[in-house]
Amino acid sequence: MSDKSDNHHSDIIRLAERDAVAADMCGCGALQVHLGELSLRLPAEAVANLARTLSAELARRQTLLASRANTDPQTTRRLGGEAPRGKA
């Protein structure tokens, strides 16, 4: 059996936490992203790519919502705009 100090996966450092989202760094350098009950263990470059992709997606979504807000309220609702929810 190996000593705990030899296990580079045991040194977990919490990097960020907000609401139901957290990010940890493993002693081996991998990042662990926690979204509620879902946890992903990813190389740092994959997390960076995910962050860039999500940022671009959110910016694109905001642009679409802004451009459609005055022309088609039904489309805005389908895209997740701030339109009222529930039965009409």
N, C-alpha and C. Protein backbone atom coordinates (compact mmCIF):
# COMPACT_ATOMS: atom_id res chain seq x y z
N MET A 1 0.84 -1.17 0.00
CA MET A 1 0.00 0.00 0.00
C MET A 1 0.89 1.24 0.00
N SER A 2 0.50 2.26 -0.77
CA SER A 2 1.35 3.45 -0.86
C SER A 2 0.96 4.48 0.19
N ASP A 3 1.92 5.29 0.54
CA ASP A 3 1.73 6.37 1.49
C ASP A 3 0.88 7.46 0.84
N LYS A 4 0.03 8.15 1.61
CA LYS A 4 -0.83 9.20 1.06
C LYS A 4 -0.03 10.31 0.41
N SER A 5 1.15 10.61 0.91
CA SER A 5 1.97 11.68 0.33
C SER A 5 2.45 11.32 -1.07
N ASP A 6 2.45 10.03 -1.42
CA ASP A 6 2.85 9.61 -2.76
C ASP A 6 1.70 9.75 -3.77
N ASN A 7 0.49 9.93 -3.29
CA ASN A 7 -0.67 10.00 -4.16
C ASN A 7 -0.91 11.44 -4.58
N HIS A 8 -0.52 11.78 -5.82
CA HIS A 8 -0.65 13.16 -6.29
C HIS A 8 -2.10 13.54 -6.59
N HIS A 9 -3.03 12.59 -6.50
CA HIS A 9 -4.45 12.90 -6.68
C HIS A 9 -5.11 13.31 -5.37
N SER A 10 -4.39 13.29 -4.28
CA SER A 10 -5.00 13.59 -2.99
C SER A 10 -4.92 15.06 -2.61
N ASP A 11 -4.11 15.83 -3.29
CA ASP A 11 -3.95 17.25 -2.95
C ASP A 11 -4.94 18.09 -3.75
N ILE A 12 -6.16 18.24 -3.24
CA ILE A 12 -7.21 18.98 -3.92
C ILE A 12 -7.27 20.40 -3.37
N ILE A 13 -7.28 21.38 -4.26
CA ILE A 13 -7.35 22.78 -3.88
C ILE A 13 -8.61 23.39 -4.49
N ARG A 14 -9.47 24.00 -3.68
CA ARG A 14 -10.67 24.67 -4.18
C ARG A 14 -10.25 25.99 -4.80
N LEU A 15 -10.54 26.15 -6.10
CA LEU A 15 -10.16 27.36 -6.81
C LEU A 15 -11.27 28.40 -6.82
N ALA A 16 -12.51 27.94 -6.94
CA ALA A 16 -13.64 28.87 -7.00
C ALA A 16 -14.91 28.14 -6.61
N GLU A 17 -15.85 28.91 -6.07
CA GLU A 17 -17.14 28.33 -5.69
C GLU A 17 -18.19 29.42 -5.68
N ARG A 18 -19.33 29.12 -6.30
CA ARG A 18 -20.46 30.05 -6.29
C ARG A 18 -21.73 29.26 -6.49
N ASP A 19 -22.70 29.47 -5.63
CA ASP A 19 -23.98 28.76 -5.68
C ASP A 19 -23.73 27.26 -5.79
N ALA A 20 -24.22 26.62 -6.85
CA ALA A 20 -24.09 25.17 -7.01
C ALA A 20 -22.94 24.80 -7.94
N VAL A 21 -22.00 25.72 -8.16
CA VAL A 21 -20.87 25.48 -9.07
C VAL A 21 -19.56 25.65 -8.29
N ALA A 22 -18.62 24.73 -8.53
CA ALA A 22 -17.32 24.83 -7.89
C ALA A 22 -16.25 24.29 -8.84
N ALA A 23 -15.02 24.72 -8.62
CA ALA A 23 -13.89 24.23 -9.41
C ALA A 23 -12.73 23.93 -8.46
N ASP A 24 -12.17 22.74 -8.60
CA ASP A 24 -11.03 22.30 -7.81
C ASP A 24 -9.87 21.97 -8.73
N MET A 25 -8.65 22.05 -8.19
CA MET A 25 -7.47 21.59 -8.91
C MET A 25 -6.90 20.41 -8.16
N CYS A 26 -6.67 19.34 -8.88
CA CYS A 26 -6.06 18.14 -8.32
C CYS A 26 -4.54 18.33 -8.28
N GLY A 27 -3.89 17.59 -7.42
CA GLY A 27 -2.44 17.64 -7.32
C GLY A 27 -1.74 17.30 -8.63
N CYS A 28 -2.41 16.55 -9.49
CA CYS A 28 -1.83 16.18 -10.79
C CYS A 28 -2.00 17.27 -11.84
N GLY A 29 -2.77 18.33 -11.50
CA GLY A 29 -2.98 19.44 -12.43
C GLY A 29 -4.33 19.43 -13.12
N ALA A 30 -5.06 18.32 -13.05
CA ALA A 30 -6.39 18.27 -13.66
C ALA A 30 -7.35 19.15 -12.88
N LEU A 31 -8.36 19.63 -13.58
CA LEU A 31 -9.39 20.44 -12.93
C LEU A 31 -10.65 19.61 -12.75
N GLN A 32 -11.31 19.82 -11.66
CA GLN A 32 -12.58 19.14 -11.38
C GLN A 32 -13.64 20.22 -11.31
N VAL A 33 -14.60 20.15 -12.23
CA VAL A 33 -15.69 21.11 -12.30
C VAL A 33 -16.93 20.44 -11.74
N HIS A 34 -17.56 21.07 -10.75
CA HIS A 34 -18.74 20.51 -10.10
C HIS A 34 -19.94 21.40 -10.41
N LEU A 35 -20.96 20.82 -11.02
CA LEU A 35 -22.21 21.52 -11.32
C LEU A 35 -23.33 20.77 -10.61
N GLY A 36 -23.68 21.20 -9.43
CA GLY A 36 -24.66 20.47 -8.64
C GLY A 36 -24.15 19.07 -8.36
N GLU A 37 -24.90 18.07 -8.78
CA GLU A 37 -24.52 16.67 -8.55
C GLU A 37 -23.56 16.13 -9.61
N LEU A 38 -23.33 16.89 -10.67
CA LEU A 38 -22.46 16.46 -11.77
C LEU A 38 -21.04 16.96 -11.54
N SER A 39 -20.06 16.07 -11.64
CA SER A 39 -18.65 16.46 -11.54
C SER A 39 -17.90 15.96 -12.76
N LEU A 40 -17.07 16.82 -13.32
CA LEU A 40 -16.24 16.47 -14.47
C LEU A 40 -14.78 16.69 -14.10
N ARG A 41 -13.96 15.72 -14.44
CA ARG A 41 -12.52 15.83 -14.22
C ARG A 41 -11.90 16.01 -15.61
N LEU A 42 -11.31 17.17 -15.84
CA LEU A 42 -10.84 17.52 -17.17
C LEU A 42 -9.45 18.14 -17.12
N PRO A 43 -8.70 17.99 -18.21
CA PRO A 43 -7.42 18.71 -18.30
C PRO A 43 -7.70 20.22 -18.38
N ALA A 44 -6.78 21.03 -17.93
CA ALA A 44 -6.97 22.47 -17.89
C ALA A 44 -7.34 23.05 -19.26
N GLU A 45 -6.74 22.56 -20.32
CA GLU A 45 -7.04 23.08 -21.66
C GLU A 45 -8.49 22.80 -22.05
N ALA A 46 -9.04 21.66 -21.66
CA ALA A 46 -10.44 21.35 -21.96
C ALA A 46 -11.36 22.31 -21.21
N VAL A 47 -11.03 22.65 -19.97
CA VAL A 47 -11.84 23.60 -19.20
C VAL A 47 -11.75 24.98 -19.84
N ALA A 48 -10.58 25.37 -20.30
CA ALA A 48 -10.42 26.66 -20.98
C ALA A 48 -11.26 26.70 -22.25
N ASN A 49 -11.25 25.61 -23.02
CA ASN A 49 -12.08 25.55 -24.23
C ASN A 49 -13.56 25.61 -23.89
N LEU A 50 -13.97 24.91 -22.84
CA LEU A 50 -15.36 24.94 -22.39
C LEU A 50 -15.76 26.36 -21.99
N ALA A 51 -14.91 27.05 -21.25
CA ALA A 51 -15.21 28.42 -20.82
C ALA A 51 -15.34 29.35 -22.02
N ARG A 52 -14.45 29.23 -23.00
CA ARG A 52 -14.54 30.07 -24.21
C ARG A 52 -15.81 29.77 -24.98
N THR A 53 -16.15 28.50 -25.10
CA THR A 53 -17.36 28.10 -25.84
C THR A 53 -18.61 28.63 -25.15
N LEU A 54 -18.70 28.47 -23.84
CA LEU A 54 -19.87 28.96 -23.11
C LEU A 54 -19.97 30.48 -23.16
N SER A 55 -18.84 31.17 -23.08
CA SER A 55 -18.86 32.63 -23.17
C SER A 55 -19.37 33.09 -24.53
N ALA A 56 -18.89 32.44 -25.59
CA ALA A 56 -19.35 32.77 -26.94
C ALA A 56 -20.83 32.46 -27.10
N GLU A 57 -21.28 31.34 -26.55
CA GLU A 57 -22.69 30.95 -26.65
C GLU A 57 -23.56 31.96 -25.93
N LEU A 58 -23.18 32.39 -24.74
CA LEU A 58 -23.97 33.36 -24.00
C LEU A 58 -24.02 34.71 -24.71
N ALA A 59 -22.90 35.13 -25.29
CA ALA A 59 -22.88 36.39 -26.03
C ALA A 59 -23.78 36.29 -27.26
N ARG A 60 -23.72 35.18 -27.97
CA ARG A 60 -24.56 34.98 -29.17
C ARG A 60 -26.04 34.95 -28.78
N ARG A 61 -26.36 34.27 -27.68
CA ARG A 61 -27.74 34.20 -27.20
C ARG A 61 -28.25 35.60 -26.88
N GLN A 62 -27.43 36.39 -26.19
CA GLN A 62 -27.83 37.75 -25.83
C GLN A 62 -28.08 38.59 -27.07
N THR A 63 -27.23 38.46 -28.08
CA THR A 63 -27.41 39.18 -29.33
C THR A 63 -28.71 38.79 -30.00
N LEU A 64 -28.99 37.49 -30.07
CA LEU A 64 -30.24 37.02 -30.68
C LEU A 64 -31.46 37.52 -29.92
N LEU A 65 -31.41 37.45 -28.60
CA LEU A 65 -32.54 37.92 -27.80
C LEU A 65 -32.77 39.41 -28.01
N ALA A 66 -31.71 40.19 -28.03
CA ALA A 66 -31.84 41.63 -28.21
C ALA A 66 -32.41 41.97 -29.58
N SER A 67 -31.96 41.28 -30.61
CA SER A 67 -32.41 41.59 -31.96
C SER A 67 -33.84 41.14 -32.22
N ARG A 68 -34.30 40.15 -31.49
CA ARG A 68 -35.65 39.62 -31.70
C ARG A 68 -36.67 40.13 -30.70
N ALA A 69 -36.23 40.84 -29.70
CA ALA A 69 -37.12 41.26 -28.61
C ALA A 69 -38.30 42.09 -29.12
N ASN A 70 -38.07 42.96 -30.07
CA ASN A 70 -39.13 43.85 -30.55
C ASN A 70 -39.86 43.30 -31.77
N THR A 71 -39.37 42.22 -32.36
CA THR A 71 -39.98 41.74 -33.60
C THR A 71 -40.84 40.50 -33.41
N ASP A 72 -40.45 39.58 -32.52
CA ASP A 72 -41.19 38.34 -32.37
C ASP A 72 -41.15 37.85 -30.92
N PRO A 73 -42.10 38.28 -30.10
CA PRO A 73 -42.10 37.86 -28.69
C PRO A 73 -42.12 36.35 -28.50
N GLN A 74 -42.76 35.59 -29.39
CA GLN A 74 -42.80 34.13 -29.26
C GLN A 74 -41.40 33.54 -29.40
N THR A 75 -40.60 34.05 -30.34
CA THR A 75 -39.23 33.58 -30.51
C THR A 75 -38.41 33.90 -29.28
N THR A 76 -38.59 35.08 -28.73
CA THR A 76 -37.85 35.47 -27.52
C THR A 76 -38.16 34.49 -26.40
N ARG A 77 -39.42 34.10 -26.24
CA ARG A 77 -39.77 33.14 -25.20
C ARG A 77 -39.10 31.79 -25.45
N ARG A 78 -39.10 31.34 -26.71
CA ARG A 78 -38.48 30.03 -27.01
C ARG A 78 -36.99 30.05 -26.76
N LEU A 79 -36.33 31.19 -26.94
CA LEU A 79 -34.89 31.29 -26.73
C LEU A 79 -34.54 31.50 -25.26
N GLY A 80 -35.53 31.57 -24.40
CA GLY A 80 -35.24 31.69 -22.98
C GLY A 80 -35.13 33.12 -22.50
N GLY A 81 -35.79 34.03 -23.19
CA GLY A 81 -35.76 35.44 -22.78
C GLY A 81 -36.52 35.62 -21.47
N GLU A 82 -36.57 36.86 -21.04
CA GLU A 82 -37.19 37.16 -19.76
C GLU A 82 -38.70 37.32 -19.87
N ALA A 83 -39.29 36.79 -20.91
CA ALA A 83 -40.73 36.84 -21.08
C ALA A 83 -41.41 36.00 -19.99
N PRO A 84 -42.65 36.36 -19.63
CA PRO A 84 -43.35 35.60 -18.58
C PRO A 84 -43.48 34.12 -18.95
N ARG A 85 -43.43 33.28 -17.94
CA ARG A 85 -43.55 31.84 -18.14
C ARG A 85 -44.93 31.39 -17.72
N GLY A 86 -45.30 30.19 -18.17
CA GLY A 86 -46.58 29.63 -17.76
C GLY A 86 -47.60 29.74 -18.87
N LYS A 87 -48.83 29.35 -18.54
CA LYS A 87 -49.89 29.38 -19.53
C LYS A 87 -50.38 30.80 -19.77
N ALA A 88 -50.70 31.07 -21.03
CA ALA A 88 -51.19 32.41 -21.39
C ALA A 88 -52.66 32.53 -21.10
